[in-house]
N, C-alpha and C. Protein backbone atom coordinates (compact mmCIF):
# COMPACT_ATOMS: atom_id res chain seq x y z
N UNK A 1 -3.77 -11.89 -1.67
CA UNK A 1 -2.64 -11.46 -2.44
C UNK A 1 -2.33 -12.49 -3.47
N UNK A 2 -2.35 -12.17 -4.79
CA UNK A 2 -2.08 -13.15 -5.75
C UNK A 2 -0.64 -13.65 -5.66
N UNK A 3 -0.57 -15.02 -5.64
CA UNK A 3 0.76 -15.62 -5.65
C UNK A 3 1.26 -15.90 -4.26
N UNK A 4 0.60 -15.47 -3.18
CA UNK A 4 1.06 -15.71 -1.84
C UNK A 4 0.51 -17.07 -1.44
N UNK A 5 1.43 -17.96 -1.06
CA UNK A 5 1.02 -19.29 -0.57
C UNK A 5 1.58 -19.54 0.84
N UNK A 6 0.69 -20.06 1.63
CA UNK A 6 1.13 -20.25 3.01
C UNK A 6 0.71 -21.70 3.44
N UNK A 7 1.67 -22.38 4.03
CA UNK A 7 1.36 -23.69 4.57
C UNK A 7 1.75 -23.75 6.00
N UNK A 8 0.91 -24.27 6.90
CA UNK A 8 1.31 -24.33 8.25
C UNK A 8 1.17 -25.77 8.79
N UNK A 9 2.25 -26.28 9.29
CA UNK A 9 2.24 -27.62 9.97
C UNK A 9 2.76 -27.40 11.39
N UNK A 10 2.36 -28.27 12.26
CA UNK A 10 2.74 -28.10 13.68
C UNK A 10 4.24 -27.94 13.83
N UNK A 11 5.05 -28.60 13.02
CA UNK A 11 6.48 -28.59 13.22
C UNK A 11 7.19 -27.46 12.43
N UNK A 12 6.53 -26.84 11.44
CA UNK A 12 7.21 -25.79 10.69
C UNK A 12 6.20 -24.93 9.97
N UNK A 13 6.64 -23.72 9.65
CA UNK A 13 5.84 -22.78 8.86
C UNK A 13 6.47 -22.63 7.48
N UNK A 14 5.76 -22.72 6.40
CA UNK A 14 6.31 -22.55 5.10
C UNK A 14 5.63 -21.42 4.40
N UNK A 15 6.45 -20.58 3.74
CA UNK A 15 5.91 -19.42 3.03
C UNK A 15 6.46 -19.46 1.63
N UNK A 16 5.55 -19.25 0.66
CA UNK A 16 6.02 -19.20 -0.73
C UNK A 16 5.54 -17.94 -1.50
N UNK A 17 6.46 -17.19 -1.99
CA UNK A 17 6.08 -15.97 -2.75
C UNK A 17 6.59 -16.06 -4.17
N UNK A 18 5.88 -15.46 -5.15
CA UNK A 18 6.41 -15.47 -6.48
C UNK A 18 7.73 -14.77 -6.57
N UNK A 19 8.58 -15.08 -7.57
CA UNK A 19 9.89 -14.49 -7.69
C UNK A 19 9.70 -12.94 -7.85
N UNK A 20 10.58 -12.17 -7.22
CA UNK A 20 10.50 -10.74 -7.32
C UNK A 20 11.87 -10.13 -7.16
N UNK A 21 12.19 -9.08 -7.82
CA UNK A 21 13.45 -8.42 -7.63
C UNK A 21 13.54 -7.57 -6.33
N UNK A 22 12.43 -7.46 -5.63
CA UNK A 22 12.32 -6.61 -4.45
C UNK A 22 12.27 -7.45 -3.18
N UNK A 23 12.90 -7.05 -2.11
CA UNK A 23 12.88 -7.83 -0.90
C UNK A 23 11.44 -7.78 -0.27
N UNK A 24 11.10 -8.83 0.37
CA UNK A 24 9.82 -8.90 1.07
C UNK A 24 10.10 -8.66 2.58
N UNK A 25 9.59 -7.48 3.15
CA UNK A 25 9.91 -7.25 4.55
C UNK A 25 9.18 -8.22 5.46
N UNK A 26 9.88 -8.55 6.46
CA UNK A 26 9.25 -9.48 7.47
C UNK A 26 7.92 -8.93 8.02
N UNK A 27 7.82 -7.60 8.26
CA UNK A 27 6.57 -7.09 8.85
C UNK A 27 5.36 -7.34 7.90
N UNK A 28 5.56 -7.28 6.58
CA UNK A 28 4.48 -7.54 5.65
C UNK A 28 4.06 -9.02 5.70
N UNK A 29 5.01 -9.91 5.74
CA UNK A 29 4.71 -11.29 5.85
C UNK A 29 3.98 -11.58 7.12
N UNK A 30 4.51 -11.03 8.19
CA UNK A 30 3.84 -11.27 9.53
C UNK A 30 2.36 -10.81 9.48
N UNK A 31 2.14 -9.58 8.90
CA UNK A 31 0.77 -9.08 8.95
C UNK A 31 -0.16 -9.89 8.04
N UNK A 32 0.33 -10.35 6.87
CA UNK A 32 -0.55 -10.98 6.03
C UNK A 32 -0.69 -12.48 6.31
N UNK A 33 0.31 -13.13 6.83
CA UNK A 33 0.24 -14.54 7.02
C UNK A 33 -0.23 -15.05 8.30
N UNK A 34 0.36 -14.51 9.37
CA UNK A 34 0.01 -14.97 10.69
C UNK A 34 -0.15 -13.91 11.68
N UNK A 35 -1.21 -13.08 11.51
CA UNK A 35 -1.37 -11.88 12.42
C UNK A 35 -1.43 -12.27 13.89
N UNK A 36 -1.98 -13.43 14.21
CA UNK A 36 -2.13 -13.76 15.60
C UNK A 36 -0.88 -14.34 16.28
N UNK A 37 0.09 -14.72 15.49
CA UNK A 37 1.35 -15.23 16.05
C UNK A 37 2.49 -14.74 15.28
N UNK A 38 2.51 -13.41 15.00
CA UNK A 38 3.53 -12.82 14.10
C UNK A 38 4.97 -12.94 14.78
N UNK A 39 5.01 -12.97 16.04
CA UNK A 39 6.32 -13.16 16.69
C UNK A 39 7.07 -14.36 16.26
N UNK A 40 6.34 -15.44 16.05
CA UNK A 40 6.97 -16.70 15.61
C UNK A 40 7.57 -16.49 14.25
N UNK A 41 6.75 -15.91 13.35
CA UNK A 41 7.19 -15.78 11.96
C UNK A 41 8.32 -14.74 11.93
N UNK A 42 8.29 -13.68 12.71
CA UNK A 42 9.40 -12.75 12.74
C UNK A 42 10.69 -13.38 13.20
N UNK A 43 10.64 -14.22 14.17
CA UNK A 43 11.82 -14.94 14.57
C UNK A 43 12.30 -15.90 13.52
N UNK A 44 11.39 -16.55 12.78
CA UNK A 44 11.82 -17.42 11.70
C UNK A 44 12.57 -16.67 10.62
N UNK A 45 11.95 -15.50 10.22
CA UNK A 45 12.57 -14.71 9.12
C UNK A 45 13.83 -14.06 9.59
N UNK A 46 13.94 -13.59 10.77
CA UNK A 46 15.18 -13.03 11.23
C UNK A 46 16.31 -13.98 11.42
N UNK A 47 15.97 -15.19 11.57
CA UNK A 47 16.98 -16.24 11.76
C UNK A 47 17.51 -16.68 10.43
N UNK A 48 16.94 -16.21 9.32
CA UNK A 48 17.40 -16.65 8.02
C UNK A 48 18.32 -15.72 7.33
N UNK A 49 19.25 -15.08 8.07
CA UNK A 49 20.33 -14.39 7.49
C UNK A 49 20.14 -12.92 7.33
N UNK A 50 19.16 -12.28 7.86
CA UNK A 50 19.08 -10.80 7.79
C UNK A 50 20.11 -10.17 8.59
N UNK A 51 20.95 -9.27 7.95
CA UNK A 51 22.06 -8.69 8.62
C UNK A 51 21.72 -7.47 9.47
N UNK A 52 20.64 -6.78 9.03
CA UNK A 52 20.21 -5.58 9.77
C UNK A 52 18.72 -5.49 9.76
N UNK A 53 18.12 -4.77 10.65
CA UNK A 53 16.68 -4.70 10.72
C UNK A 53 16.11 -3.96 9.47
N UNK A 54 14.90 -4.35 9.11
CA UNK A 54 14.24 -3.69 7.99
C UNK A 54 13.99 -2.23 8.35
N UNK A 55 14.39 -1.35 7.46
CA UNK A 55 14.28 0.11 7.73
C UNK A 55 13.10 0.78 7.00
N UNK A 56 12.43 0.08 6.11
CA UNK A 56 11.32 0.62 5.39
C UNK A 56 11.57 0.99 4.00
N UNK A 57 10.42 1.23 3.29
CA UNK A 57 10.53 1.53 1.86
C UNK A 57 10.37 3.01 1.65
N UNK A 58 10.91 3.57 0.54
CA UNK A 58 10.74 4.95 0.19
C UNK A 58 9.37 5.20 -0.34
N UNK A 59 8.72 4.23 -0.89
CA UNK A 59 7.39 4.35 -1.46
C UNK A 59 6.53 3.18 -1.14
N UNK A 60 5.27 3.42 -0.72
CA UNK A 60 4.22 2.38 -0.51
C UNK A 60 3.09 2.85 -1.38
N UNK A 61 2.52 1.88 -2.16
CA UNK A 61 1.40 2.15 -3.01
C UNK A 61 0.17 1.34 -2.53
N UNK A 62 -0.91 2.01 -2.36
CA UNK A 62 -2.20 1.38 -2.02
C UNK A 62 -3.12 1.69 -3.20
N UNK A 63 -3.40 0.74 -3.96
CA UNK A 63 -4.18 0.94 -5.18
C UNK A 63 -5.52 0.16 -5.03
N UNK A 64 -6.60 0.93 -4.98
CA UNK A 64 -7.97 0.34 -5.04
C UNK A 64 -8.28 -0.51 -3.83
N UNK A 65 -7.88 -0.05 -2.65
CA UNK A 65 -8.09 -0.75 -1.48
C UNK A 65 -8.96 -0.07 -0.47
N UNK A 66 -9.32 1.19 -0.65
CA UNK A 66 -10.11 1.92 0.30
C UNK A 66 -11.52 1.47 0.41
N UNK A 67 -12.05 0.89 -0.67
CA UNK A 67 -13.47 0.45 -0.67
C UNK A 67 -13.72 -0.51 0.51
N UNK A 68 -12.73 -1.25 0.91
CA UNK A 68 -12.86 -2.16 2.08
C UNK A 68 -12.67 -1.45 3.37
N UNK A 69 -13.64 -0.68 3.75
CA UNK A 69 -13.54 0.28 4.93
C UNK A 69 -13.24 -0.45 6.19
N UNK A 70 -13.64 -1.69 6.34
CA UNK A 70 -13.39 -2.41 7.65
C UNK A 70 -11.89 -2.80 7.79
N UNK A 71 -11.16 -2.58 6.68
CA UNK A 71 -9.74 -2.95 6.72
C UNK A 71 -8.78 -1.72 6.77
N UNK A 72 -9.39 -0.54 6.94
CA UNK A 72 -8.56 0.68 6.99
C UNK A 72 -7.50 0.61 8.08
N UNK A 73 -7.87 0.12 9.21
CA UNK A 73 -6.88 0.02 10.34
C UNK A 73 -5.69 -0.83 9.98
N UNK A 74 -5.99 -2.05 9.37
CA UNK A 74 -4.94 -2.96 8.98
C UNK A 74 -4.10 -2.37 7.84
N UNK A 75 -4.73 -1.66 6.87
CA UNK A 75 -3.94 -1.02 5.82
C UNK A 75 -2.97 0.03 6.45
N UNK A 76 -3.46 0.84 7.40
CA UNK A 76 -2.66 1.79 7.97
C UNK A 76 -1.52 1.15 8.86
N UNK A 77 -1.84 0.03 9.54
CA UNK A 77 -0.79 -0.73 10.24
C UNK A 77 0.28 -1.04 9.30
N UNK A 78 -0.08 -1.55 8.11
CA UNK A 78 0.95 -1.99 7.08
C UNK A 78 1.75 -0.73 6.61
N UNK A 79 1.08 0.34 6.33
CA UNK A 79 1.78 1.51 5.90
C UNK A 79 2.78 1.96 6.95
N UNK A 80 2.38 2.01 8.21
CA UNK A 80 3.25 2.47 9.21
C UNK A 80 4.48 1.55 9.47
N UNK A 81 4.26 0.25 9.19
CA UNK A 81 5.41 -0.67 9.29
C UNK A 81 6.32 -0.62 8.07
N UNK A 82 5.75 -0.41 6.91
CA UNK A 82 6.53 -0.50 5.67
C UNK A 82 7.20 0.82 5.17
N UNK A 83 6.55 1.94 5.50
CA UNK A 83 7.06 3.25 5.06
C UNK A 83 8.29 3.69 5.91
N UNK A 84 9.35 3.97 5.27
CA UNK A 84 10.54 4.42 5.96
C UNK A 84 10.24 5.73 6.73
N UNK A 85 10.85 5.90 7.85
CA UNK A 85 10.72 7.16 8.60
C UNK A 85 11.79 8.09 8.04
N UNK A 86 11.50 8.55 6.80
CA UNK A 86 12.46 9.42 6.14
C UNK A 86 11.66 10.60 5.49
N UNK A 87 12.35 11.71 5.33
CA UNK A 87 11.74 12.94 4.84
C UNK A 87 11.14 12.72 3.40
N UNK A 88 11.80 11.90 2.59
CA UNK A 88 11.39 11.76 1.21
C UNK A 88 10.52 10.51 1.00
N UNK A 89 10.19 9.78 2.02
CA UNK A 89 9.32 8.56 1.86
C UNK A 89 7.93 9.02 1.65
N UNK A 90 7.20 8.33 0.78
CA UNK A 90 5.83 8.70 0.36
C UNK A 90 4.87 7.46 0.34
N UNK A 91 3.67 7.74 0.62
CA UNK A 91 2.63 6.78 0.38
C UNK A 91 1.72 7.29 -0.75
N UNK A 92 1.46 6.46 -1.74
CA UNK A 92 0.57 6.88 -2.84
C UNK A 92 -0.65 6.04 -2.68
N UNK A 93 -1.81 6.73 -2.69
CA UNK A 93 -3.17 6.08 -2.51
C UNK A 93 -4.05 6.38 -3.67
N UNK A 94 -4.70 5.38 -4.22
CA UNK A 94 -5.63 5.51 -5.31
C UNK A 94 -6.91 4.77 -5.03
N UNK A 95 -7.99 5.36 -5.47
CA UNK A 95 -9.33 4.69 -5.28
C UNK A 95 -10.18 5.00 -6.42
N UNK A 96 -11.07 4.10 -6.86
CA UNK A 96 -11.99 4.36 -7.99
C UNK A 96 -13.10 5.29 -7.38
N UNK A 97 -13.74 5.95 -8.33
CA UNK A 97 -14.85 6.86 -7.89
C UNK A 97 -16.08 6.08 -7.34
N UNK A 98 -16.11 4.81 -7.56
CA UNK A 98 -17.19 4.03 -6.93
C UNK A 98 -16.96 3.83 -5.47
N UNK A 99 -15.78 4.14 -4.95
CA UNK A 99 -15.64 4.16 -3.49
C UNK A 99 -16.21 5.45 -2.96
N UNK A 100 -17.18 5.26 -2.00
CA UNK A 100 -17.87 6.45 -1.48
C UNK A 100 -16.94 7.47 -0.88
N UNK A 101 -17.29 8.77 -1.08
CA UNK A 101 -16.47 9.89 -0.64
C UNK A 101 -16.23 9.81 0.91
N UNK A 102 -17.29 9.50 1.63
CA UNK A 102 -17.08 9.39 3.13
C UNK A 102 -16.17 8.30 3.51
N UNK A 103 -16.08 7.24 2.73
CA UNK A 103 -15.14 6.13 2.97
C UNK A 103 -13.74 6.65 2.76
N UNK A 104 -13.54 7.33 1.71
CA UNK A 104 -12.18 7.88 1.36
C UNK A 104 -11.77 8.89 2.46
N UNK A 105 -12.73 9.78 2.78
CA UNK A 105 -12.35 10.79 3.82
C UNK A 105 -12.07 10.18 5.11
N UNK A 106 -12.79 9.12 5.54
CA UNK A 106 -12.50 8.42 6.76
C UNK A 106 -11.07 7.83 6.77
N UNK A 107 -10.65 7.30 5.70
CA UNK A 107 -9.32 6.70 5.59
C UNK A 107 -8.27 7.86 5.69
N UNK A 108 -8.52 8.95 4.99
CA UNK A 108 -7.57 10.07 5.05
C UNK A 108 -7.41 10.57 6.47
N UNK A 109 -8.48 10.75 7.18
CA UNK A 109 -8.43 11.25 8.56
C UNK A 109 -7.75 10.20 9.43
N UNK A 110 -8.03 8.98 9.29
CA UNK A 110 -7.29 7.96 10.14
C UNK A 110 -5.82 7.99 9.89
N UNK A 111 -5.42 8.14 8.61
CA UNK A 111 -4.00 8.28 8.29
C UNK A 111 -3.35 9.43 8.94
N UNK A 112 -4.05 10.54 8.96
CA UNK A 112 -3.56 11.74 9.63
C UNK A 112 -3.32 11.55 11.09
N UNK A 113 -4.25 10.74 11.76
CA UNK A 113 -4.14 10.34 13.10
C UNK A 113 -2.95 9.44 13.39
N UNK A 114 -2.41 8.83 12.39
CA UNK A 114 -1.23 8.02 12.51
C UNK A 114 0.09 8.76 12.19
N UNK A 115 -0.09 10.10 11.88
CA UNK A 115 1.16 10.88 11.61
C UNK A 115 1.45 11.09 10.18
N UNK A 116 0.52 10.87 9.27
CA UNK A 116 0.75 11.18 7.87
C UNK A 116 0.16 12.53 7.50
N UNK A 117 0.80 13.22 6.58
CA UNK A 117 0.38 14.52 6.07
C UNK A 117 0.11 14.43 4.62
N UNK A 118 -1.09 14.78 4.14
CA UNK A 118 -1.35 14.74 2.70
C UNK A 118 -0.78 15.92 2.05
N UNK A 119 0.02 15.70 1.03
CA UNK A 119 0.77 16.78 0.36
C UNK A 119 0.38 16.99 -1.13
N UNK A 120 -0.37 16.04 -1.69
CA UNK A 120 -0.84 16.20 -3.05
C UNK A 120 -2.10 15.37 -3.26
N UNK A 121 -2.88 15.70 -4.29
CA UNK A 121 -4.08 14.96 -4.60
C UNK A 121 -4.58 15.31 -6.00
N UNK A 122 -5.52 14.49 -6.50
CA UNK A 122 -6.14 14.85 -7.72
C UNK A 122 -6.80 16.21 -7.59
N UNK A 123 -6.82 16.99 -8.69
CA UNK A 123 -7.28 18.45 -8.62
C UNK A 123 -8.82 18.51 -8.57
N UNK A 124 -9.55 17.44 -8.86
CA UNK A 124 -11.02 17.53 -8.90
C UNK A 124 -11.58 17.26 -7.53
N UNK A 125 -12.91 17.29 -7.53
CA UNK A 125 -13.63 17.06 -6.29
C UNK A 125 -13.26 15.79 -5.60
N UNK A 126 -12.91 15.85 -4.30
CA UNK A 126 -12.61 14.68 -3.45
C UNK A 126 -11.37 13.93 -3.97
N UNK A 127 -10.34 14.62 -4.58
CA UNK A 127 -9.16 14.00 -5.03
C UNK A 127 -9.26 13.35 -6.41
N UNK A 128 -10.42 13.58 -7.13
CA UNK A 128 -10.52 12.97 -8.41
C UNK A 128 -9.62 13.52 -9.50
N UNK A 129 -9.11 12.67 -10.35
CA UNK A 129 -8.22 13.15 -11.43
C UNK A 129 -9.04 13.84 -12.50
N UNK A 130 -8.60 15.07 -12.93
CA UNK A 130 -9.30 15.79 -13.94
C UNK A 130 -8.62 15.70 -15.26
N UNK A 131 -7.34 15.39 -15.34
CA UNK A 131 -6.61 15.21 -16.54
C UNK A 131 -6.85 13.84 -17.08
N UNK A 132 -7.66 13.75 -18.18
CA UNK A 132 -7.99 12.43 -18.75
C UNK A 132 -7.15 12.09 -19.96
N UNK A 133 -6.11 12.76 -20.14
CA UNK A 133 -5.16 12.38 -21.25
C UNK A 133 -4.25 11.35 -20.79
N UNK A 134 -4.23 10.20 -21.51
CA UNK A 134 -3.31 9.07 -21.14
C UNK A 134 -1.94 9.44 -21.56
N UNK A 135 -0.98 9.43 -20.64
CA UNK A 135 0.39 9.86 -20.94
C UNK A 135 1.34 8.69 -20.92
N UNK A 136 0.80 7.51 -20.73
CA UNK A 136 1.72 6.27 -20.82
C UNK A 136 2.16 6.09 -22.27
N UNK A 137 3.28 5.37 -22.40
CA UNK A 137 3.80 5.13 -23.68
C UNK A 137 3.78 3.71 -24.13
N UNK A 138 3.55 2.80 -23.20
CA UNK A 138 3.42 1.34 -23.58
C UNK A 138 2.02 0.98 -23.96
N UNK A 139 1.78 0.28 -25.01
CA UNK A 139 0.44 -0.11 -25.42
C UNK A 139 -0.15 -1.06 -24.45
N UNK A 140 -1.50 -0.97 -24.27
CA UNK A 140 -2.22 -1.91 -23.39
C UNK A 140 -3.17 -2.64 -24.34
N UNK A 141 -3.00 -3.97 -24.33
CA UNK A 141 -3.79 -4.76 -25.31
C UNK A 141 -5.26 -4.61 -25.06
N UNK A 142 -5.95 -4.37 -26.17
CA UNK A 142 -7.41 -4.27 -26.15
C UNK A 142 -7.97 -2.91 -25.71
N UNK A 143 -7.08 -1.94 -25.48
CA UNK A 143 -7.59 -0.63 -25.04
C UNK A 143 -6.93 0.49 -25.82
N UNK A 144 -7.71 1.45 -26.23
CA UNK A 144 -7.24 2.60 -26.96
C UNK A 144 -6.72 3.66 -25.96
N UNK A 145 -5.99 4.72 -26.49
CA UNK A 145 -5.52 5.74 -25.60
C UNK A 145 -6.69 6.46 -24.96
N UNK A 146 -7.78 6.67 -25.72
CA UNK A 146 -9.01 7.32 -25.18
C UNK A 146 -9.60 6.60 -24.09
N UNK A 147 -9.75 5.20 -24.23
CA UNK A 147 -10.27 4.37 -23.21
C UNK A 147 -9.40 4.41 -21.92
N UNK A 148 -8.10 4.38 -22.10
CA UNK A 148 -7.22 4.46 -20.96
C UNK A 148 -7.38 5.85 -20.24
N UNK A 149 -7.54 6.87 -20.96
CA UNK A 149 -7.70 8.20 -20.41
C UNK A 149 -9.03 8.23 -19.69
N UNK A 150 -10.08 7.62 -20.16
CA UNK A 150 -11.38 7.61 -19.50
C UNK A 150 -11.25 6.86 -18.15
N UNK A 151 -10.52 5.81 -18.18
CA UNK A 151 -10.33 5.05 -16.96
C UNK A 151 -9.55 5.89 -15.92
N UNK A 152 -8.56 6.58 -16.40
CA UNK A 152 -7.76 7.48 -15.50
C UNK A 152 -8.66 8.48 -14.82
N UNK A 153 -9.64 9.00 -15.57
CA UNK A 153 -10.58 10.01 -15.06
C UNK A 153 -11.58 9.45 -14.05
N UNK A 154 -11.59 8.19 -13.84
CA UNK A 154 -12.48 7.52 -12.88
C UNK A 154 -11.72 7.17 -11.62
N UNK A 155 -10.61 7.82 -11.35
CA UNK A 155 -9.76 7.57 -10.18
C UNK A 155 -9.63 8.80 -9.33
N UNK A 156 -9.45 8.57 -8.04
CA UNK A 156 -9.05 9.59 -7.06
C UNK A 156 -7.65 9.24 -6.61
N UNK A 157 -6.88 10.18 -6.21
CA UNK A 157 -5.52 9.86 -5.73
C UNK A 157 -5.04 10.89 -4.75
N UNK A 158 -4.11 10.43 -3.88
CA UNK A 158 -3.52 11.30 -2.85
C UNK A 158 -2.10 10.84 -2.64
N UNK A 159 -1.32 11.76 -2.15
CA UNK A 159 0.10 11.45 -1.74
C UNK A 159 0.38 12.00 -0.38
N UNK A 160 1.00 11.17 0.46
CA UNK A 160 1.31 11.61 1.84
C UNK A 160 2.76 11.35 2.19
N UNK A 161 3.21 12.09 3.17
CA UNK A 161 4.51 11.85 3.79
C UNK A 161 4.32 11.87 5.24
N UNK A 162 5.38 11.49 6.06
CA UNK A 162 5.34 11.53 7.46
C UNK A 162 5.32 12.93 7.95
N UNK A 163 4.62 13.27 9.00
CA UNK A 163 4.66 14.59 9.59
C UNK A 163 6.01 14.83 10.22
N UNK A 164 6.41 16.10 10.44
CA UNK A 164 7.75 16.35 10.98
C UNK A 164 7.86 15.64 12.36
N UNK A 165 6.83 15.58 13.17
CA UNK A 165 6.81 14.98 14.47
C UNK A 165 7.11 13.43 14.38
N UNK A 166 6.80 12.80 13.28
CA UNK A 166 7.04 11.38 13.15
C UNK A 166 8.43 11.01 12.61
N UNK A 167 9.14 12.05 12.12
CA UNK A 167 10.49 11.73 11.61
C UNK A 167 11.50 11.70 12.72
């Protein structure tokens, strides 16, 4: 994770993250930093002034991570910890077309096994985006609108929510 710095000394654990306007949930830090001793980190974070337990985010974005198929379980662990158990909470997943179809399908099925329901996807084969018109309004240095549209067309995407049984 760019900008994540972790130092561990026997007497204390130090964590440094780049400045952000968004809160960093303890479960994310525990998963990324110290998976084998997350209880210690959770106690450290909860002792630093959190008034109420973390309730989850309305949106979680997984961008270009499905290619690493041996990490699907950990990705889904993170989604399950981070996504609020709320009717309007969503997880947005994107993958380049270079990620094999069977790898994407395996992730989608594993997510369903965790209680997620896929409610939207790219209209093309296997979730691929068919609309190659770039609709962004901010310029991207070194890229034309046509080049951005072509890149958009090289992506697959899906949107999921919690199943009714998980709410």
